[in-house]
Structure formats: structure tokens, C-alpha cells
Amino acid sequence: MQRVYTILPNGELKQWDKCKGCTLGKFTKSTFNDWDSRAHAILQNIHSDVCGTFSIASVAKHMYYVIFIDDFSLNFWIYFIQKKDQMFSKFVEFQELVEIETGRKVKALRSDNGGMC
């Protein structure tokens, strides 16, 4: 292990976890995949997240908002929604808006795959 990773100190590897495999596993470092890189054009990667439930609803009874962020330009769009299941209809609305404005198609939508409440 010390020959592979030069940043590890020389000497005895002390076991801090319950098993030696877990201790050795702490020294591994995962690599970044090529698909994790930044976008090279507008609408190539759109990041999305639904935020809420807020303790106090808005006047229009909105308890959540969904945000769409373009990875290339860092422009963002916020839509307020009453329930999480309205997210898809807001995405369709967003997609129509930006594709008409830019003349380009949305290539990828990334989210954290949040569950329904």
C-alpha cells in the first residue's frame, strides 16, 4: 500500500476500524468520470432540484420551488409549485421556453433523484 500511494507515511498501518479491509478502504480515492465535466454549450447539461417543504406557504399556496440551472451559462430559472408532482409539468414548460429562446435542444437533465413526500 505504501509503495502505491506515496502520500502515506512510512511505518506501521494502524487499524482504526473494526476490520482491516475497512481500514485499507479509507485510503482509496475514486476518480472522476469524463461525464462529470462541465458543459461546452448552452443547454448541454441542465441541473435541477426541488426545494421545500416550507413551514409557511406563499399567498398562492406554494410549498416548494424547482430550480433549473444551465451548466454552461449558469443561468437559472425558478418555478414555484404547490406539490412535488408538478415538477414534470414545470420542466416541460421550462424546456419549451428555453428551446424557443435559444434555438437549441436540452441534451441532459441532471437531478438528485429526490423522492416524493
C-alpha atoms as a PDB file:
ATOM      1  CA  MET A   1       0.000   0.000   0.000  1.00  0.00           C
ATOM      2  CA  GLN A   2       2.760   2.435   0.865  1.00  0.00           C
ATOM      3  CA  ARG A   3       4.514   1.718  -2.430  1.00  0.00           C
ATOM      4  CA  VAL A   4       1.364   2.557  -4.432  1.00  0.00           C
ATOM      5  CA  TYR A   5       0.465   5.742  -2.567  1.00  0.00           C
ATOM      6  CA  THR A   6       3.468   7.936  -1.895  1.00  0.00           C
ATOM      7  CA  ILE A   7       1.498  10.315   0.340  1.00  0.00           C
ATOM      8  CA  LEU A   8       1.084   7.660   3.045  1.00  0.00           C
ATOM      9  CA  PRO A   9       3.642   7.852   5.817  1.00  0.00           C
ATOM     10  CA  ASN A  10       6.195   5.074   6.202  1.00  0.00           C
ATOM     11  CA  GLY A  11       5.754   2.736   9.105  1.00  0.00           C
ATOM     12  CA  GLU A  12       3.011   0.619  10.583  1.00  0.00           C
ATOM     13  CA  LEU A  13      -0.581   0.874   9.308  1.00  0.00           C
ATOM     14  CA  LYS A  14      -2.729   1.161  12.427  1.00  0.00           C
ATOM     15  CA  GLN A  15      -6.173  -0.316  12.343  1.00  0.00           C
ATOM     16  CA  TRP A  16      -8.814   2.239  13.353  1.00  0.00           C
ATOM     17  CA  ASP A  17     -11.909   0.394  12.140  1.00  0.00           C
ATOM     18  CA  LYS A  18     -13.278  -2.983  13.088  1.00  0.00           C
ATOM     19  CA  CYS A  19     -11.768  -4.826  10.129  1.00  0.00           C
ATOM     20  CA  LYS A  20      -8.550  -4.451   8.166  1.00  0.00           C
ATOM     21  CA  GLY A  21     -10.443  -4.232   4.856  1.00  0.00           C
ATOM     22  CA  CYS A  22     -12.383  -1.199   6.086  1.00  0.00           C
ATOM     23  CA  THR A  23      -9.163   0.458   7.250  1.00  0.00           C
ATOM     24  CA  LEU A  24      -7.480  -0.121   3.890  1.00  0.00           C
ATOM     25  CA  GLY A  25     -10.630   1.074   2.136  1.00  0.00           C
ATOM     26  CA  LYS A  26     -10.256   4.502   3.714  1.00  0.00           C
ATOM     27  CA  PHE A  27      -7.077   5.069   1.676  1.00  0.00           C
ATOM     28  CA  THR A  28      -8.697   4.594  -1.729  1.00  0.00           C
ATOM     29  CA  LYS A  29      -9.537   7.596  -3.866  1.00  0.00           C
ATOM     30  CA  SER A  30     -12.244   7.460  -6.506  1.00  0.00           C
ATOM     31  CA  THR A  31     -11.606   9.054  -9.881  1.00  0.00           C
ATOM     32  CA  PHE A  32     -13.877  11.460 -11.719  1.00  0.00           C
ATOM     33  CA  ASN A  33     -15.574  10.156 -14.842  1.00  0.00           C
ATOM     34  CA  ASP A  34     -15.459  12.058 -18.129  1.00  0.00           C
ATOM     35  CA  TRP A  35     -19.212  12.707 -17.997  1.00  0.00           C
ATOM     36  CA  ASP A  36     -18.708  14.774 -14.842  1.00  0.00           C
ATOM     37  CA  SER A  37     -17.016  17.572 -16.780  1.00  0.00           C
ATOM     38  CA  ARG A  38     -18.581  20.957 -17.434  1.00  0.00           C
ATOM     39  CA  ALA A  39     -20.792  21.595 -20.439  1.00  0.00           C
ATOM     40  CA  HIS A  40     -19.331  23.098 -23.617  1.00  0.00           C
ATOM     41  CA  ALA A  41     -22.570  24.602 -24.975  1.00  0.00           C
ATOM     42  CA  ILE A  42     -25.819  26.136 -23.796  1.00  0.00           C
ATOM     43  CA  LEU A  43     -28.449  23.570 -22.715  1.00  0.00           C
ATOM     44  CA  GLN A  44     -25.990  20.666 -22.876  1.00  0.00           C
ATOM     45  CA  ASN A  45     -26.438  19.943 -19.143  1.00  0.00           C
ATOM     46  CA  ILE A  46     -29.315  21.239 -17.046  1.00  0.00           C
ATOM     47  CA  HIS A  47     -29.181  20.673 -13.284  1.00  0.00           C
ATOM     48  CA  SER A  48     -32.429  20.572 -11.338  1.00  0.00           C
ATOM     49  CA  ASP A  49     -33.545  20.378  -7.740  1.00  0.00           C
ATOM     50  CA  VAL A  50     -36.847  20.638  -5.890  1.00  0.00           C
ATOM     51  CA  CYS A  51     -36.636  22.608  -2.655  1.00  0.00           C
ATOM     52  CA  GLY A  52     -39.211  22.664   0.115  1.00  0.00           C
ATOM     53  CA  THR A  53     -41.475  21.917   2.117  1.00  0.00           C
ATOM     54  CA  PHE A  54     -41.579  25.356   3.657  1.00  0.00           C
ATOM     55  CA  SER A  55     -43.210  25.882   7.030  1.00  0.00           C
ATOM     56  CA  ILE A  56     -45.328  28.767   5.714  1.00  0.00           C
ATOM     57  CA  ALA A  57     -46.986  28.616   2.303  1.00  0.00           C
ATOM     58  CA  SER A  58     -46.990  31.585  -0.061  1.00  0.00           C
ATOM     59  CA  VAL A  59     -50.136  33.562  -0.828  1.00  0.00           C
ATOM     60  CA  ALA A  60     -50.719  31.249  -3.800  1.00  0.00           C
ATOM     61  CA  LYS A  61     -50.232  28.189  -1.504  1.00  0.00           C
ATOM     62  CA  HIS A  62     -46.825  27.281  -2.960  1.00  0.00           C
ATOM     63  CA  MET A  63     -44.855  24.995  -0.646  1.00  0.00           C
ATOM     64  CA  TYR A  64     -41.947  24.128  -2.998  1.00  0.00           C
ATOM     65  CA  TYR A  65     -39.870  25.531  -5.786  1.00  0.00           C
ATOM     66  CA  VAL A  66     -37.992  23.818  -8.578  1.00  0.00           C
ATOM     67  CA  ILE A  67     -34.802  25.337  -9.956  1.00  0.00           C
ATOM     68  CA  PHE A  68     -33.186  24.662 -13.336  1.00  0.00           C
ATOM     69  CA  ILE A  69     -29.543  25.703 -13.830  1.00  0.00           C
ATOM     70  CA  ASP A  70     -27.727  25.696 -17.172  1.00  0.00           C
ATOM     71  CA  ASP A  71     -24.245  24.273 -16.587  1.00  0.00           C
ATOM     72  CA  PHE A  72     -22.605  26.329 -19.361  1.00  0.00           C
ATOM     73  CA  SER A  73     -24.063  29.804 -18.825  1.00  0.00           C
ATOM     74  CA  LEU A  74     -25.022  29.355 -15.139  1.00  0.00           C
ATOM     75  CA  ASN A  75     -28.370  30.996 -15.879  1.00  0.00           C
ATOM     76  CA  PHE A  76     -31.134  29.705 -13.666  1.00  0.00           C
ATOM     77  CA  TRP A  77     -34.913  29.579 -13.697  1.00  0.00           C
ATOM     78  CA  ILE A  78     -37.128  29.157 -10.623  1.00  0.00           C
ATOM     79  CA  TYR A  79     -40.689  27.877 -10.722  1.00  0.00           C
ATOM     80  CA  PHE A  80     -42.913  27.787  -7.637  1.00  0.00           C
ATOM     81  CA  ILE A  81     -45.102  24.724  -7.190  1.00  0.00           C
ATOM     82  CA  GLN A  82     -47.704  23.531  -4.700  1.00  0.00           C
ATOM     83  CA  LYS A  83     -46.806  19.824  -4.806  1.00  0.00           C
ATOM     84  CA  LYS A  84     -43.713  17.899  -5.884  1.00  0.00           C
ATOM     85  CA  ASP A  85     -45.609  16.005  -8.555  1.00  0.00           C
ATOM     86  CA  GLN A  86     -45.948  19.276 -10.522  1.00  0.00           C
ATOM     87  CA  MET A  87     -42.207  19.223 -11.222  1.00  0.00           C
ATOM     88  CA  PHE A  88     -42.522  17.440 -14.572  1.00  0.00           C
ATOM     89  CA  SER A  89     -45.065  19.918 -15.936  1.00  0.00           C
ATOM     90  CA  LYS A  90     -42.739  22.763 -14.903  1.00  0.00           C
ATOM     91  CA  PHE A  91     -39.846  21.039 -16.669  1.00  0.00           C
ATOM     92  CA  VAL A  92     -41.897  20.797 -19.859  1.00  0.00           C
ATOM     93  CA  GLU A  93     -42.764  24.494 -19.525  1.00  0.00           C
ATOM     94  CA  PHE A  94     -39.085  25.345 -18.933  1.00  0.00           C
ATOM     95  CA  GLN A  95     -37.936  23.182 -21.851  1.00  0.00           C
ATOM     96  CA  GLU A  96     -40.352  24.839 -24.285  1.00  0.00           C
ATOM     97  CA  LEU A  97     -39.267  28.299 -23.120  1.00  0.00           C
ATOM     98  CA  VAL A  98     -35.500  27.820 -23.412  1.00  0.00           C
ATOM     99  CA  GLU A  99     -35.618  25.843 -26.653  1.00  0.00           C
ATOM    100  CA  ILE A 100     -37.631  28.618 -28.334  1.00  0.00           C
ATOM    101  CA  GLU A 101     -35.354  31.334 -26.902  1.00  0.00           C
ATOM    102  CA  THR A 102     -32.055  29.669 -27.837  1.00  0.00           C
ATOM    103  CA  GLY A 103     -32.945  27.558 -30.864  1.00  0.00           C
ATOM    104  CA  ARG A 104     -31.175  24.594 -29.219  1.00  0.00           C
ATOM    105  CA  LYS A 105     -32.425  21.388 -27.602  1.00  0.00           C
ATOM    106  CA  VAL A 106     -31.912  20.337 -23.975  1.00  0.00           C
ATOM    107  CA  LYS A 107     -29.400  17.476 -24.078  1.00  0.00           C
ATOM    108  CA  ALA A 108     -29.371  16.221 -20.474  1.00  0.00           C
ATOM    109  CA  LEU A 109     -31.269  16.880 -17.249  1.00  0.00           C
ATOM    110  CA  ARG A 110     -29.484  16.013 -14.017  1.00  0.00           C
ATOM    111  CA  SER A 111     -31.104  15.827 -10.607  1.00  0.00           C
ATOM    112  CA  ASP A 112     -30.511  14.177  -7.264  1.00  0.00           C
ATOM    113  CA  ASN A 113     -33.435  11.775  -7.841  1.00  0.00           C
ATOM    114  CA  GLY A 114     -35.243  13.060  -4.777  1.00  0.00           C
ATOM    115  CA  GLY A 115     -38.195  11.021  -3.624  1.00  0.00           C
ATOM    116  CA  MET A 116     -41.778  12.085  -3.265  1.00  0.00           C
ATOM    117  CA  CYS A 117     -43.046  13.319   0.092  1.00  0.00           C
END
